[in-house]
Amino acid sequence: MPRVKIPPPYRGPTQGKAVIEAVGESVRACIEAVEAEYPGFAELIFDPSGRVQPFVTLFVNGEELGRSEADTSVGADDEVEILAAIAGG
């Protein structure tokens, strides 16, 4: 089952969980599976039209995905990682 690594700023909806196993055949499906268990999670990743938020970067097995590649296929042993850019000043 693919694993989704949750960055610290996005662990509120996941109740502090850093890694969640998610049933899904694509990155988007895995994130939606996490959303089904932890409501409020997907809105941190996707905007209302389903595009990846501008401050989010997605990776599969350490390989960065392009902004339009959320539907990339994943296998049972894959790891989806979410990187949240944090601005400050």
Protein backbone atom coordinates (compact mmCIF):
# COMPACT_ATOMS: atom_id res chain seq x y z
CA MET A 1 0.00 0.00 0.00
CA PRO A 2 1.48 3.41 -0.92
CA ARG A 3 2.63 5.59 1.97
CA VAL A 4 1.97 9.33 2.16
CA LYS A 5 4.52 11.36 4.13
CA ILE A 6 2.87 14.35 5.77
CA PRO A 7 4.95 17.48 6.45
CA PRO A 8 4.75 18.92 9.99
CA PRO A 9 2.67 22.00 9.00
CA TYR A 10 -0.05 19.71 7.53
CA ARG A 11 -0.35 17.27 10.41
CA GLY A 12 -3.27 19.07 12.07
CA PRO A 13 -5.95 17.19 10.11
CA THR A 14 -3.99 13.91 10.45
CA GLN A 15 -3.86 14.28 14.23
CA GLY A 16 -0.07 14.46 14.17
CA LYS A 17 0.53 11.40 12.00
CA ALA A 18 3.63 11.76 9.82
CA VAL A 19 3.12 8.72 7.55
CA ILE A 20 -0.20 7.27 6.44
CA GLU A 21 -0.77 4.20 4.30
CA ALA A 22 -3.33 5.07 1.64
CA VAL A 23 -5.17 2.99 -0.92
CA GLY A 24 -4.82 4.59 -4.33
CA GLU A 25 -3.42 4.08 -7.80
CA SER A 26 -2.30 7.69 -8.27
CA VAL A 27 -0.84 10.46 -6.15
CA ARG A 28 -4.19 12.26 -6.21
CA ALA A 29 -6.08 9.09 -5.20
CA CYS A 30 -3.71 8.55 -2.26
CA ILE A 31 -4.22 12.13 -1.06
CA GLU A 32 -7.99 11.72 -1.46
CA ALA A 33 -7.80 8.50 0.59
CA VAL A 34 -6.05 10.43 3.37
CA GLU A 35 -8.79 13.08 3.06
CA ALA A 36 -11.47 10.41 3.48
CA GLU A 37 -9.94 9.40 6.81
CA TYR A 38 -8.82 12.89 7.88
CA PRO A 39 -11.20 15.57 6.55
CA GLY A 40 -9.57 18.89 5.78
CA PHE A 41 -6.30 17.39 4.55
CA ALA A 42 -6.81 17.57 0.77
CA GLU A 43 -7.66 21.29 0.82
CA LEU A 44 -4.11 21.89 2.05
CA ILE A 45 -2.78 20.19 -1.09
CA PHE A 46 -5.30 21.07 -3.81
CA ASP A 47 -7.08 24.32 -4.63
CA PRO A 48 -10.87 24.29 -5.20
CA SER A 49 -10.41 23.43 -8.89
CA GLY A 50 -8.22 20.41 -8.06
CA ARG A 51 -4.84 21.90 -8.96
CA VAL A 52 -1.86 21.51 -6.66
CA GLN A 53 -1.57 24.58 -4.42
CA PRO A 54 1.28 26.90 -5.51
CA PHE A 55 3.20 26.40 -2.25
CA VAL A 56 3.06 22.56 -2.37
CA THR A 57 5.53 20.24 -4.10
CA LEU A 58 4.78 16.55 -4.56
CA PHE A 59 7.32 13.74 -4.86
CA VAL A 60 7.09 10.01 -5.63
CA ASN A 61 10.02 7.99 -4.32
CA GLY A 62 12.10 11.16 -4.08
CA GLU A 63 11.36 12.29 -7.66
CA GLU A 64 9.77 15.72 -7.87
CA LEU A 65 6.54 15.90 -9.82
CA GLY A 66 5.50 18.80 -12.00
CA ARG A 67 2.56 20.94 -10.93
CA SER A 68 0.22 19.10 -13.33
CA GLU A 69 1.35 15.58 -12.44
CA ALA A 70 -0.87 14.80 -9.43
CA ASP A 71 -2.46 11.98 -11.41
CA THR A 72 0.88 10.13 -11.70
CA SER A 73 0.46 6.40 -11.03
CA VAL A 74 1.85 4.85 -7.87
CA GLY A 75 2.41 1.26 -6.86
CA ALA A 76 1.99 -0.60 -3.59
CA ASP A 77 5.58 0.04 -2.48
CA ASP A 78 5.75 3.71 -3.48
CA GLU A 79 6.12 6.68 -1.20
CA VAL A 80 4.32 9.96 -1.85
CA GLU A 81 5.95 12.88 -0.11
CA ILE A 82 4.44 16.32 0.29
CA LEU A 83 6.68 19.32 0.76
CA ALA A 84 5.09 22.49 2.09
CA ALA A 85 6.90 25.72 1.35
CA ILE A 86 6.74 27.98 4.37
CA ALA A 87 7.24 31.69 3.90
CA GLY A 88 8.35 33.93 6.66
CA GLY A 89 10.16 37.06 7.30
